[in-house]
Amino acid sequence: MQALLLVIELLIAIALVIVVLMQRSEGGALGIGGGGSGLGGLFSPRGAADTLTRTTAILAILFFGVCLGLNLLVAHSKPGRSMLDSPTAPAATLTPTQKPAAPAPAPQGPSVPTPH
């Protein structure tokens, strides 16, 4: 079920990207048909803009709906656990047999020859 919803979500996301990229920022939309009204109102500049806007809204609603469905499906498939119920990792401590490492000897400067 999750795999099917993921595939559907991917297809919706690709379609949403394509529809958004088809829109013009100036509101001219596709401009299919050369701006003439011979094809009716659907592919006139204004009709194409309305169609693309409506399609974008429908795809966005479907995308969010599938996302919510996936989240609900995953939330109900896992048993509820709390972070407070899980045991914490023990802190690293020194055992009595271990000794801390000896500090490194202090570095000595370069030896300077003494004049004779």
PDB file of N, CA and C in Angstrom:
ATOM      1  N   MET A   1       0.828  -1.194   0.000  1.00  0.00           N
ATOM      2  CA  MET A   1       0.000   0.000   0.000  1.00  0.00           C
ATOM      3  C   MET A   1       0.873   1.258   0.000  1.00  0.00           C
ATOM      4  N   GLN A   2       1.942   1.216   0.818  1.00  0.00           N
ATOM      5  CA  GLN A   2       2.828   2.378   0.878  1.00  0.00           C
ATOM      6  C   GLN A   2       3.534   2.590  -0.448  1.00  0.00           C
ATOM      7  N   ALA A   3       3.945   1.508  -1.084  1.00  0.00           N
ATOM      8  CA  ALA A   3       4.640   1.624  -2.372  1.00  0.00           C
ATOM      9  C   ALA A   3       3.719   2.226  -3.421  1.00  0.00           C
ATOM     10  N   LEU A   4       2.466   1.820  -3.419  1.00  0.00           N
ATOM     11  CA  LEU A   4       1.501   2.364  -4.380  1.00  0.00           C
ATOM     12  C   LEU A   4       1.292   3.859  -4.150  1.00  0.00           C
ATOM     13  N   LEU A   5       1.147   4.256  -2.878  1.00  0.00           N
ATOM     14  CA  LEU A   5       0.975   5.678  -2.576  1.00  0.00           C
ATOM     15  C   LEU A   5       2.215   6.494  -2.922  1.00  0.00           C
ATOM     16  N   LEU A   6       3.390   5.902  -2.738  1.00  0.00           N
ATOM     17  CA  LEU A   6       4.624   6.606  -3.109  1.00  0.00           C
ATOM     18  C   LEU A   6       4.713   6.817  -4.618  1.00  0.00           C
ATOM     19  N   VAL A   7       4.316   5.817  -5.389  1.00  0.00           N
ATOM     20  CA  VAL A   7       4.333   5.959  -6.851  1.00  0.00           C
ATOM     21  C   VAL A   7       3.330   7.022  -7.288  1.00  0.00           C
ATOM     22  N   ILE A   8       2.155   7.007  -6.686  1.00  0.00           N
ATOM     23  CA  ILE A   8       1.134   8.010  -7.014  1.00  0.00           C
ATOM     24  C   ILE A   8       1.638   9.405  -6.650  1.00  0.00           C
ATOM     25  N   GLU A   9       2.270   9.527  -5.498  1.00  0.00           N
ATOM     26  CA  GLU A   9       2.789  10.835  -5.080  1.00  0.00           C
ATOM     27  C   GLU A   9       3.883  11.333  -6.031  1.00  0.00           C
ATOM     28  N   LEU A  10       4.730  10.430  -6.475  1.00  0.00           N
ATOM     29  CA  LEU A  10       5.785  10.798  -7.417  1.00  0.00           C
ATOM     30  C   LEU A  10       5.197  11.269  -8.746  1.00  0.00           C
ATOM     31  N   LEU A  11       4.195  10.561  -9.247  1.00  0.00           N
ATOM     32  CA  LEU A  11       3.558  10.971 -10.507  1.00  0.00           C
ATOM     33  C   LEU A  11       2.859  12.322 -10.363  1.00  0.00           C
ATOM     34  N   ILE A  12       2.200  12.535  -9.233  1.00  0.00           N
ATOM     35  CA  ILE A  12       1.536  13.824  -8.999  1.00  0.00           C
ATOM     36  C   ILE A  12       2.567  14.940  -8.920  1.00  0.00           C
ATOM     37  N   ALA A  13       3.693  14.683  -8.248  1.00  0.00           N
ATOM     38  CA  ALA A  13       4.738  15.709  -8.116  1.00  0.00           C
ATOM     39  C   ALA A  13       5.327  16.073  -9.480  1.00  0.00           C
ATOM     40  N   ILE A  14       5.565  15.075 -10.325  1.00  0.00           N
ATOM     41  CA  ILE A  14       6.096  15.353 -11.663  1.00  0.00           C
ATOM     42  C   ILE A  14       5.087  16.150 -12.481  1.00  0.00           C
ATOM     43  N   ALA A  15       3.819  15.756 -12.419  1.00  0.00           N
ATOM     44  CA  ALA A  15       2.780  16.490 -13.151  1.00  0.00           C
ATOM     45  C   ALA A  15       2.656  17.916 -12.625  1.00  0.00           C
ATOM     46  N   LEU A  16       2.774  18.092 -11.326  1.00  0.00           N
ATOM     47  CA  LEU A  16       2.674  19.434 -10.735  1.00  0.00           C
ATOM     48  C   LEU A  16       3.817  20.327 -11.205  1.00  0.00           C
ATOM     49  N   VAL A  17       5.015  19.781 -11.252  1.00  0.00           N
ATOM     50  CA  VAL A  17       6.160  20.562 -11.730  1.00  0.00           C
ATOM     51  C   VAL A  17       5.969  20.958 -13.184  1.00  0.00           C
ATOM     52  N   ILE A  18       5.506  20.031 -14.006  1.00  0.00           N
ATOM     53  CA  ILE A  18       5.301  20.326 -15.432  1.00  0.00           C
ATOM     54  C   ILE A  18       4.242  21.400 -15.612  1.00  0.00           C
ATOM     55  N   VAL A  19       3.139  21.293 -14.888  1.00  0.00           N
ATOM     56  CA  VAL A  19       2.051  22.271 -15.033  1.00  0.00           C
ATOM     57  C   VAL A  19       2.496  23.652 -14.559  1.00  0.00           C
ATOM     58  N   VAL A  20       3.258  23.702 -13.472  1.00  0.00           N
ATOM     59  CA  VAL A  20       3.732  25.000 -12.973  1.00  0.00           C
ATOM     60  C   VAL A  20       4.710  25.620 -13.964  1.00  0.00           C
ATOM     61  N   LEU A  21       5.573  24.812 -14.553  1.00  0.00           N
ATOM     62  CA  LEU A  21       6.533  25.355 -15.518  1.00  0.00           C
ATOM     63  C   LEU A  21       5.885  25.787 -16.823  1.00  0.00           C
ATOM     64  N   MET A  22       4.720  25.252 -17.133  1.00  0.00           N
ATOM     65  CA  MET A  22       4.020  25.651 -18.358  1.00  0.00           C
ATOM     66  C   MET A  22       3.395  27.042 -18.222  1.00  0.00           C
ATOM     67  N   GLN A  23       3.185  27.490 -17.021  1.00  0.00           N
ATOM     68  CA  GLN A  23       2.547  28.786 -16.814  1.00  0.00           C
ATOM     69  C   GLN A  23       3.551  29.910 -17.037  1.00  0.00           C
ATOM     70  N   ARG A  24       3.072  30.989 -17.574  1.00  0.00           N
ATOM     71  CA  ARG A  24       3.911  32.173 -17.731  1.00  0.00           C
ATOM     72  C   ARG A  24       3.730  33.070 -16.520  1.00  0.00           C
ATOM     73  N   SER A  25       4.785  33.785 -16.183  1.00  0.00           N
ATOM     74  CA  SER A  25       4.702  34.641 -15.009  1.00  0.00           C
ATOM     75  C   SER A  25       3.844  35.872 -15.253  1.00  0.00           C
ATOM     76  N   GLU A  26       3.663  36.267 -16.492  1.00  0.00           N
ATOM     77  CA  GLU A  26       2.868  37.452 -16.810  1.00  0.00           C
ATOM     78  C   GLU A  26       1.383  37.135 -16.931  1.00  0.00           C
ATOM     79  N   GLY A  27       1.013  35.896 -16.756  1.00  0.00           N
ATOM     80  CA  GLY A  27      -0.388  35.530 -16.865  1.00  0.00           C
ATOM     81  C   GLY A  27      -0.780  35.172 -18.281  1.00  0.00           C
ATOM     82  N   GLY A  28       0.162  35.051 -19.207  1.00  0.00           N
ATOM     83  CA  GLY A  28      -0.142  34.739 -20.588  1.00  0.00           C
ATOM     84  C   GLY A  28      -0.371  33.264 -20.822  1.00  0.00           C
ATOM     85  N   ALA A  29       0.017  32.434 -19.909  1.00  0.00           N
ATOM     86  CA  ALA A  29      -0.107  30.977 -19.981  1.00  0.00           C
ATOM     87  C   ALA A  29       0.512  30.445 -21.261  1.00  0.00           C
ATOM     88  N   LEU A  30      -0.087  29.418 -21.829  1.00  0.00           N
ATOM     89  CA  LEU A  30       0.508  28.772 -22.999  1.00  0.00           C
ATOM     90  C   LEU A  30       0.390  29.597 -24.265  1.00  0.00           C
ATOM     91  N   GLY A  31      -0.726  30.202 -24.455  1.00  0.00           N
ATOM     92  CA  GLY A  31      -0.940  30.933 -25.698  1.00  0.00           C
ATOM     93  C   GLY A  31      -1.118  29.992 -26.869  1.00  0.00           C
ATOM     94  N   ILE A  32      -1.634  28.810 -26.630  1.00  0.00           N
ATOM     95  CA  ILE A  32      -1.864  27.844 -27.699  1.00  0.00           C
ATOM     96  C   ILE A  32      -2.964  28.377 -28.613  1.00  0.00           C
ATOM     97  N   GLY A  33      -2.749  28.252 -29.883  1.00  0.00           N
ATOM     98  CA  GLY A  33      -3.754  28.704 -30.844  1.00  0.00           C
ATOM     99  C   GLY A  33      -3.500  30.102 -31.337  1.00  0.00           C
ATOM    100  N   GLY A  34      -2.412  30.712 -30.956  1.00  0.00           N
ATOM    101  CA  GLY A  34      -2.067  32.030 -31.475  1.00  0.00           C
ATOM    102  C   GLY A  34      -2.946  33.143 -30.963  1.00  0.00           C
ATOM    103  N   GLY A  35      -3.705  32.907 -29.933  1.00  0.00           N
ATOM    104  CA  GLY A  35      -4.542  33.950 -29.370  1.00  0.00           C
ATOM    105  C   GLY A  35      -5.886  34.073 -30.059  1.00  0.00           C
ATOM    106  N   GLY A  36      -6.117  33.307 -31.093  1.00  0.00           N
ATOM    107  CA  GLY A  36      -7.413  33.359 -31.776  1.00  0.00           C
ATOM    108  C   GLY A  36      -8.458  32.614 -30.988  1.00  0.00           C
ATOM    109  N   SER A  37      -9.703  32.912 -31.271  1.00  0.00           N
ATOM    110  CA  SER A  37     -10.775  32.242 -30.544  1.00  0.00           C
ATOM    111  C   SER A  37     -11.418  31.158 -31.394  1.00  0.00           C
ATOM    112  N   GLY A  38     -10.730  30.668 -32.396  1.00  0.00           N
ATOM    113  CA  GLY A  38     -11.276  29.646 -33.269  1.00  0.00           C
ATOM    114  C   GLY A  38     -11.448  28.305 -32.576  1.00  0.00           C
ATOM    115  N   LEU A  39     -10.655  28.017 -31.557  1.00  0.00           N
ATOM    116  CA  LEU A  39     -10.743  26.746 -30.856  1.00  0.00           C
ATOM    117  C   LEU A  39     -11.690  26.796 -29.675  1.00  0.00           C
ATOM    118  N   GLY A  40     -12.345  27.885 -29.466  1.00  0.00           N
ATOM    119  CA  GLY A  40     -13.235  27.999 -28.321  1.00  0.00           C
ATOM    120  C   GLY A  40     -12.523  28.678 -27.168  1.00  0.00           C
ATOM    121  N   GLY A  41     -13.149  28.606 -26.000  1.00  0.00           N
ATOM    122  CA  GLY A  41     -12.612  29.315 -24.848  1.00  0.00           C
ATOM    123  C   GLY A  41     -11.510  28.567 -24.111  1.00  0.00           C
ATOM    124  N   LEU A  42     -11.335  27.267 -24.376  1.00  0.00           N
ATOM    125  CA  LEU A  42     -10.374  26.500 -23.595  1.00  0.00           C
ATOM    126  C   LEU A  42      -8.941  26.884 -23.905  1.00  0.00           C
ATOM    127  N   PHE A  43      -8.604  27.042 -25.181  1.00  0.00           N
ATOM    128  CA  PHE A  43      -7.220  27.300 -25.543  1.00  0.00           C
ATOM    129  C   PHE A  43      -6.966  28.748 -25.931  1.00  0.00           C
ATOM    130  N   SER A  44      -7.865  29.629 -25.598  1.00  0.00           N
ATOM    131  CA  SER A  44      -7.563  31.048 -25.733  1.00  0.00           C
ATOM    132  C   SER A  44      -6.568  31.389 -24.626  1.00  0.00           C
ATOM    133  N   PRO A  45      -5.852  32.497 -24.723  1.00  0.00           N
ATOM    134  CA  PRO A  45      -4.877  32.806 -23.669  1.00  0.00           C
ATOM    135  C   PRO A  45      -5.492  32.812 -22.267  1.00  0.00           C
ATOM    136  N   ARG A  46      -6.670  33.367 -22.159  1.00  0.00           N
ATOM    137  CA  ARG A  46      -7.297  33.405 -20.839  1.00  0.00           C
ATOM    138  C   ARG A  46      -7.790  32.023 -20.418  1.00  0.00           C
ATOM    139  N   GLY A  47      -8.327  31.266 -21.362  1.00  0.00           N
ATOM    140  CA  GLY A  47      -8.818  29.928 -21.054  1.00  0.00           C
ATOM    141  C   GLY A  47      -7.697  28.990 -20.648  1.00  0.00           C
ATOM    142  N   ALA A  48      -6.534  29.119 -21.308  1.00  0.00           N
ATOM    143  CA  ALA A  48      -5.390  28.275 -20.951  1.00  0.00           C
ATOM    144  C   ALA A  48      -4.882  28.625 -19.557  1.00  0.00           C
ATOM    145  N   ALA A  49      -4.880  29.901 -19.228  1.00  0.00           N
ATOM    146  CA  ALA A  49      -4.436  30.310 -17.893  1.00  0.00           C
ATOM    147  C   ALA A  49      -5.379  29.762 -16.829  1.00  0.00           C
ATOM    148  N   ASP A  50      -6.694  29.839 -17.092  1.00  0.00           N
ATOM    149  CA  ASP A  50      -7.657  29.303 -16.128  1.00  0.00           C
ATOM    150  C   ASP A  50      -7.514  27.793 -15.987  1.00  0.00           C
ATOM    151  N   THR A  51      -7.313  27.109 -17.116  1.00  0.00           N
ATOM    152  CA  THR A  51      -7.164  25.662 -17.083  1.00  0.00           C
ATOM    153  C   THR A  51      -5.913  25.254 -16.302  1.00  0.00           C
ATOM    154  N   LEU A  52      -4.799  25.930 -16.549  1.00  0.00           N
ATOM    155  CA  LEU A  52      -3.561  25.595 -15.852  1.00  0.00           C
ATOM    156  C   LEU A  52      -3.648  25.926 -14.360  1.00  0.00           C
ATOM    157  N   THR A  53      -4.301  27.027 -14.027  1.00  0.00           N
ATOM    158  CA  THR A  53      -4.459  27.389 -12.622  1.00  0.00           C
ATOM    159  C   THR A  53      -5.318  26.363 -11.895  1.00  0.00           C
ATOM    160  N   ARG A  54      -6.400  25.956 -12.540  1.00  0.00           N
ATOM    161  CA  ARG A  54      -7.280  24.955 -11.947  1.00  0.00           C
ATOM    162  C   ARG A  54      -6.557  23.614 -11.800  1.00  0.00           C
ATOM    163  N   THR A  55      -5.801  23.229 -12.831  1.00  0.00           N
ATOM    164  CA  THR A  55      -5.052  21.973 -12.780  1.00  0.00           C
ATOM    165  C   THR A  55      -4.002  22.007 -11.678  1.00  0.00           C
ATOM    166  N   THR A  56      -3.316  23.149 -11.521  1.00  0.00           N
ATOM    167  CA  THR A  56      -2.322  23.289 -10.462  1.00  0.00           C
ATOM    168  C   THR A  56      -2.967  23.133  -9.089  1.00  0.00           C
ATOM    169  N   ALA A  57      -4.108  23.744  -8.893  1.00  0.00           N
ATOM    170  CA  ALA A  57      -4.796  23.653  -7.601  1.00  0.00           C
ATOM    171  C   ALA A  57      -5.229  22.219  -7.309  1.00  0.00           C
ATOM    172  N   ILE A  58      -5.762  21.535  -8.314  1.00  0.00           N
ATOM    173  CA  ILE A  58      -6.209  20.149  -8.113  1.00  0.00           C
ATOM    174  C   ILE A  58      -5.025  19.246  -7.793  1.00  0.00           C
ATOM    175  N   LEU A  59      -3.916  19.408  -8.540  1.00  0.00           N
ATOM    176  CA  LEU A  59      -2.735  18.584  -8.285  1.00  0.00           C
ATOM    177  C   LEU A  59      -2.139  18.866  -6.908  1.00  0.00           C
ATOM    178  N   ALA A  60      -2.164  20.125  -6.482  1.00  0.00           N
ATOM    179  CA  ALA A  60      -1.636  20.461  -5.157  1.00  0.00           C
ATOM    180  C   ALA A  60      -2.478  19.824  -4.062  1.00  0.00           C
ATOM    181  N   ILE A  61      -3.790  19.848  -4.210  1.00  0.00           N
ATOM    182  CA  ILE A  61      -4.673  19.226  -3.226  1.00  0.00           C
ATOM    183  C   ILE A  61      -4.442  17.718  -3.182  1.00  0.00           C
ATOM    184  N   LEU A  62      -4.300  17.094  -4.353  1.00  0.00           N
ATOM    185  CA  LEU A  62      -4.020  15.658  -4.403  1.00  0.00           C
ATOM    186  C   LEU A  62      -2.676  15.328  -3.760  1.00  0.00           C
ATOM    187  N   PHE A  63      -1.664  16.165  -4.019  1.00  0.00           N
ATOM    188  CA  PHE A  63      -0.333  15.937  -3.451  1.00  0.00           C
ATOM    189  C   PHE A  63      -0.378  15.966  -1.929  1.00  0.00           C
ATOM    190  N   PHE A  64      -1.018  16.988  -1.365  1.00  0.00           N
ATOM    191  CA  PHE A  64      -1.109  17.083   0.088  1.00  0.00           C
ATOM    192  C   PHE A  64      -1.968  15.963   0.668  1.00  0.00           C
ATOM    193  N   GLY A  65      -3.011  15.569  -0.040  1.00  0.00           N
ATOM    194  CA  GLY A  65      -3.839  14.465   0.438  1.00  0.00           C
ATOM    195  C   GLY A  65      -3.077  13.150   0.490  1.00  0.00           C
ATOM    196  N   VAL A  66      -2.286  12.874  -0.550  1.00  0.00           N
ATOM    197  CA  VAL A  66      -1.492  11.650  -0.560  1.00  0.00           C
ATOM    198  C   VAL A  66      -0.420  11.710   0.528  1.00  0.00           C
ATOM    199  N   CYS A  67       0.183  12.887   0.744  1.00  0.00           N
ATOM    200  CA  CYS A  67       1.170  13.028   1.819  1.00  0.00           C
ATOM    201  C   CYS A  67       0.553  12.734   3.181  1.00  0.00           C
ATOM    202  N   LEU A  68      -0.623  13.278   3.436  1.00  0.00           N
ATOM    203  CA  LEU A  68      -1.305  13.010   4.701  1.00  0.00           C
ATOM    204  C   LEU A  68      -1.658  11.534   4.836  1.00  0.00           C
ATOM    205  N   GLY A  69      -2.109  10.942   3.744  1.00  0.00           N
ATOM    206  CA  GLY A  69      -2.423   9.518   3.775  1.00  0.00           C
ATOM    207  C   GLY A  69      -1.206   8.665   4.097  1.00  0.00           C
ATOM    208  N   LEU A  70      -0.070   8.992   3.486  1.00  0.00           N
ATOM    209  CA  LEU A  70       1.160   8.260   3.782  1.00  0.00           C
ATOM    210  C   LEU A  70       1.572   8.429   5.234  1.00  0.00           C
ATOM    211  N   ASN A  71       1.472   9.630   5.752  1.00  0.00           N
ATOM    212  CA  ASN A  71       1.837   9.872   7.153  1.00  0.00           C
ATOM    213  C   ASN A  71       0.934   9.102   8.106  1.00  0.00           C
ATOM    214  N   LEU A  72      -0.349   9.093   7.842  1.00  0.00           N
ATOM    215  CA  LEU A  72      -1.272   8.356   8.700  1.00  0.00           C
ATOM    216  C   LEU A  72      -1.030   6.857   8.613  1.00  0.00           C
ATOM    217  N   LEU A  73      -0.722   6.385   7.416  1.00  0.00           N
ATOM    218  CA  LEU A  73      -0.463   4.962   7.231  1.00  0.00           C
ATOM    219  C   LEU A  73       0.787   4.521   7.998  1.00  0.00           C
ATOM    220  N   VAL A  74       1.823   5.325   7.936  1.00  0.00           N
ATOM    221  CA  VAL A  74       3.062   5.000   8.632  1.00  0.00           C
ATOM    222  C   VAL A  74       2.888   5.153  10.144  1.00  0.00           C
ATOM    223  N   ALA A  75       2.144   6.165  10.566  1.00  0.00           N
ATOM    224  CA  ALA A  75       1.959   6.391  12.005  1.00  0.00           C
ATOM    225  C   ALA A  75       1.198   5.242  12.666  1.00  0.00           C
ATOM    226  N   HIS A  76       0.259   4.647  11.957  1.00  0.00           N
ATOM    227  CA  HIS A  76      -0.526   3.562  12.550  1.00  0.00           C
ATOM    228  C   HIS A  76       0.138   2.201  12.385  1.00  0.00           C
ATOM    229  N   SER A  77       1.156   2.103  11.560  1.00  0.00           N
ATOM    230  CA  SER A  77       1.802   0.808  11.368  1.00  0.00           C
ATOM    231  C   SER A  77       2.908   0.546  12.388  1.00  0.00           C
ATOM    232  N   LYS A  78       3.416   1.585  13.045  1.00  0.00           N
ATOM    233  CA  LYS A  78       4.477   1.429  14.041  1.00  0.00           C
ATOM    234  C   LYS A  78       3.890   1.461  15.450  1.00  0.00           C
ATOM    235  N   PRO A  79       4.434   0.633  16.343  1.00  0.00           N
ATOM    236  CA  PRO A  79       3.970   0.728  17.737  1.00  0.00           C
ATOM    237  C   PRO A  79       4.495   2.014  18.368  1.00  0.00           C
ATOM    238  N   GLY A  80       3.695   2.606  19.213  1.00  0.00           N
ATOM    239  CA  GLY A  80       4.090   3.848  19.861  1.00  0.00           C
ATOM    240  C   GLY A  80       5.174   3.616  20.896  1.00  0.00           C
ATOM    241  N   ARG A  81       6.244   4.366  20.812  1.00  0.00           N
ATOM    242  CA  ARG A  81       7.327   4.276  21.787  1.00  0.00           C
ATOM    243  C   ARG A  81       7.702   5.682  22.215  1.00  0.00           C
ATOM    244  N   SER A  82       8.187   5.763  23.415  1.00  0.00           N
ATOM    245  CA  SER A  82       8.626   7.041  23.939  1.00  0.00           C
ATOM    246  C   SER A  82      10.139   7.034  24.066  1.00  0.00           C
ATOM    247  N   MET A  83      10.744   8.178  23.871  1.00  0.00           N
ATOM    248  CA  MET A  83      12.188   8.283  24.049  1.00  0.00           C
ATOM    249  C   MET A  83      12.567   8.081  25.513  1.00  0.00           C
ATOM    250  N   LEU A  84      11.664   8.412  26.405  1.00  0.00           N
ATOM    251  CA  LEU A  84      11.956   8.288  27.826  1.00  0.00           C
ATOM    252  C   LEU A  84      11.949   6.837  28.283  1.00  0.00           C
ATOM    253  N   ASP A  85      11.258   5.959  27.557  1.00  0.00           N
ATOM    254  CA  ASP A  85      11.194   4.555  27.934  1.00  0.00           C
ATOM    255  C   ASP A  85      12.453   3.790  27.544  1.00  0.00           C
ATOM    256  N   SER A  86      13.203   4.259  26.576  1.00  0.00           N
ATOM    257  CA  SER A  86      14.374   3.519  26.117  1.00  0.00           C
ATOM    258  C   SER A  86      15.528   3.710  27.095  1.00  0.00           C
ATOM    259  N   PRO A  87      16.302   2.652  27.328  1.00  0.00           N
ATOM    260  CA  PRO A  87      17.433   2.780  28.264  1.00  0.00           C
ATOM    261  C   PRO A  87      18.522   3.665  27.659  1.00  0.00           C
ATOM    262  N   THR A  88      19.188   4.376  28.523  1.00  0.00           N
ATOM    263  CA  THR A  88      20.263   5.247  28.050  1.00  0.00           C
ATOM    264  C   THR A  88      21.552   4.448  27.968  1.00  0.00           C
ATOM    265  N   ALA A  89      22.460   4.896  27.137  1.00  0.00           N
ATOM    266  CA  ALA A  89      23.754   4.232  26.996  1.00  0.00           C
ATOM    267  C   ALA A  89      24.578   4.517  28.246  1.00  0.00           C
ATOM    268  N   PRO A  90      25.287   3.507  28.780  1.00  0.00           N
ATOM    269  CA  PRO A  90      26.095   3.749  29.980  1.00  0.00           C
ATOM    270  C   PRO A  90      27.250   4.696  29.671  1.00  0.00           C
ATOM    271  N   ALA A  91      27.546   5.524  30.626  1.00  0.00           N
ATOM    272  CA  ALA A  91      28.640   6.474  30.456  1.00  0.00           C
ATOM    273  C   ALA A  91      29.965   5.734  30.507  1.00  0.00           C
ATOM    274  N   ALA A  92      30.917   6.204  29.743  1.00  0.00           N
ATOM    275  CA  ALA A  92      32.244   5.575  29.735  1.00  0.00           C
ATOM    276  C   ALA A  92      32.963   5.935  31.029  1.00  0.00           C
ATOM    277  N   THR A  93      33.319   4.919  31.778  1.00  0.00           N
ATOM    278  CA  THR A  93      34.031   5.145  33.037  1.00  0.00           C
ATOM    279  C   THR A  93      35.319   4.340  33.021  1.00  0.00           C
ATOM    280  N   LEU A  94      36.271   4.755  33.830  1.00  0.00           N
ATOM    281  CA  LEU A  94      37.532   4.033  33.956  1.00  0.00           C
ATOM    282  C   LEU A  94      37.362   2.924  34.979  1.00  0.00           C
ATOM    283  N   THR A  95      37.853   1.766  34.641  1.00  0.00           N
ATOM    284  CA  THR A  95      37.840   0.681  35.614  1.00  0.00           C
ATOM    285  C   THR A  95      39.069   0.825  36.501  1.00  0.00           C
ATOM    286  N   PRO A  96      39.065   0.241  37.673  1.00  0.00           N
ATOM    287  CA  PRO A  96      40.201   0.410  38.580  1.00  0.00           C
ATOM    288  C   PRO A  96      41.512  -0.124  38.007  1.00  0.00           C
ATOM    289  N   THR A  97      41.447  -1.076  37.086  1.00  0.00           N
ATOM    290  CA  THR A  97      42.698  -1.631  36.545  1.00  0.00           C
ATOM    291  C   THR A  97      43.291  -0.740  35.463  1.00  0.00           C
ATOM    292  N   GLN A  98      42.487   0.142  34.909  1.00  0.00           N
ATOM    293  CA  GLN A  98      42.995   1.018  33.859  1.00  0.00           C
ATOM    294  C   GLN A  98      43.611   2.259  34.481  1.00  0.00           C
ATOM    295  N   LYS A  99      44.704   2.688  33.927  1.00  0.00           N
ATOM    296  CA  LYS A  99      45.348   3.919  34.372  1.00  0.00           C
ATOM    297  C   LYS A  99      45.293   4.920  33.232  1.00  0.00           C
ATOM    298  N   PRO A 100      45.186   6.174  33.565  1.00  0.00           N
ATOM    299  CA  PRO A 100      45.195   7.154  32.484  1.00  0.00           C
ATOM    300  C   PRO A 100      46.560   7.175  31.814  1.00  0.00           C
ATOM    301  N   ALA A 101      46.568   7.541  30.558  1.00  0.00           N
ATOM    302  CA  ALA A 101      47.816   7.579  29.805  1.00  0.00           C
ATOM    303  C   ALA A 101      48.727   8.657  30.376  1.00  0.00           C
ATOM    304  N   ALA A 102      50.027   8.360  30.377  1.00  0.00           N
ATOM    305  CA  ALA A 102      51.004   9.331  30.888  1.00  0.00           C
ATOM    306  C   ALA A 102      51.092  10.498  29.914  1.00  0.00           C
ATOM    307  N   PRO A 103      51.243  11.707  30.440  1.00  0.00           N
ATOM    308  CA  PRO A 103      51.345  12.845  29.534  1.00  0.00           C
ATOM    309  C   PRO A 103      52.635  12.760  28.710  1.00  0.00           C
ATOM    310  N   ALA A 104      52.566  13.291  27.525  1.00  0.00           N
ATOM    311  CA  ALA A 104      53.733  13.284  26.642  1.00  0.00           C
ATOM    312  C   ALA A 104      54.785  14.233  27.206  1.00  0.00           C
ATOM    313  N   PRO A 105      56.066  13.912  27.012  1.00  0.00           N
ATOM    314  CA  PRO A 105      57.104  14.817  27.515  1.00  0.00           C
ATOM    315  C   PRO A 105      57.032  16.158  26.802  1.00  0.00           C
ATOM    316  N   ALA A 106      57.401  17.185  27.532  1.00  0.00           N
ATOM    317  CA  ALA A 106      57.357  18.534  26.969  1.00  0.00           C
ATOM    318  C   ALA A 106      58.368  18.639  25.830  1.00  0.00           C
ATOM    319  N   PRO A 107      58.001  19.274  24.738  1.00  0.00           N
ATOM    320  CA  PRO A 107      58.946  19.387  23.629  1.00  0.00           C
ATOM    321  C   PRO A 107      60.092  20.329  24.014  1.00  0.00           C
ATOM    322  N   GLN A 108      61.272  19.947  23.588  1.00  0.00           N
ATOM    323  CA  GLN A 108      62.430  20.780  23.846  1.00  0.00           C
ATOM    324  C   GLN A 108      62.749  21.578  22.602  1.00  0.00           C
ATOM    325  N   GLY A 109      63.221  22.778  22.811  1.00  0.00           N
ATOM    326  CA  GLY A 109      63.571  23.631  21.689  1.00  0.00           C
ATOM    327  C   GLY A 109      64.823  23.122  20.977  1.00  0.00           C
ATOM    328  N   PRO A 110      65.191  23.744  19.905  1.00  0.00           N
ATOM    329  CA  PRO A 110      66.391  23.320  19.188  1.00  0.00           C
ATOM    330  C   PRO A 110      67.633  23.567  20.043  1.00  0.00           C
ATOM    331  N   SER A 111      68.579  22.670  19.934  1.00  0.00           N
ATOM    332  CA  SER A 111      69.804  22.855  20.709  1.00  0.00           C
ATOM    333  C   SER A 111      70.676  23.893  20.018  1.00  0.00           C
ATOM    334  N   VAL A 112      71.157  24.819  20.822  1.00  0.00           N
ATOM    335  CA  VAL A 112      71.988  25.905  20.305  1.00  0.00           C
ATOM    336  C   VAL A 112      73.445  25.600  20.665  1.00  0.00           C
ATOM    337  N   PRO A 113      74.333  25.581  19.674  1.00  0.00           N
ATOM    338  CA  PRO A 113      75.739  25.304  20.021  1.00  0.00           C
ATOM    339  C   PRO A 113      76.321  26.453  20.835  1.00  0.00           C
ATOM    340  N   THR A 114      77.120  26.103  21.802  1.00  0.00           N
ATOM    341  CA  THR A 114      77.777  27.130  22.627  1.00  0.00           C
ATOM    342  C   THR A 114      79.111  27.485  21.990  1.00  0.00           C
ATOM    343  N   PRO A 115      79.466  28.754  21.995  1.00  0.00           N
ATOM    344  CA  PRO A 115      80.736  29.132  21.398  1.00  0.00           C
ATOM    345  C   PRO A 115      81.899  28.656  22.257  1.00  0.00           C
ATOM    346  N   HIS A 116      83.049  28.332  21.662  1.00  0.00           N
ATOM    347  CA  HIS A 116      84.231  27.833  22.374  1.00  0.00           C
ATOM    348  C   HIS A 116      85.208  28.915  22.599  1.00  0.00           C
TER     349      HIS A 116
END
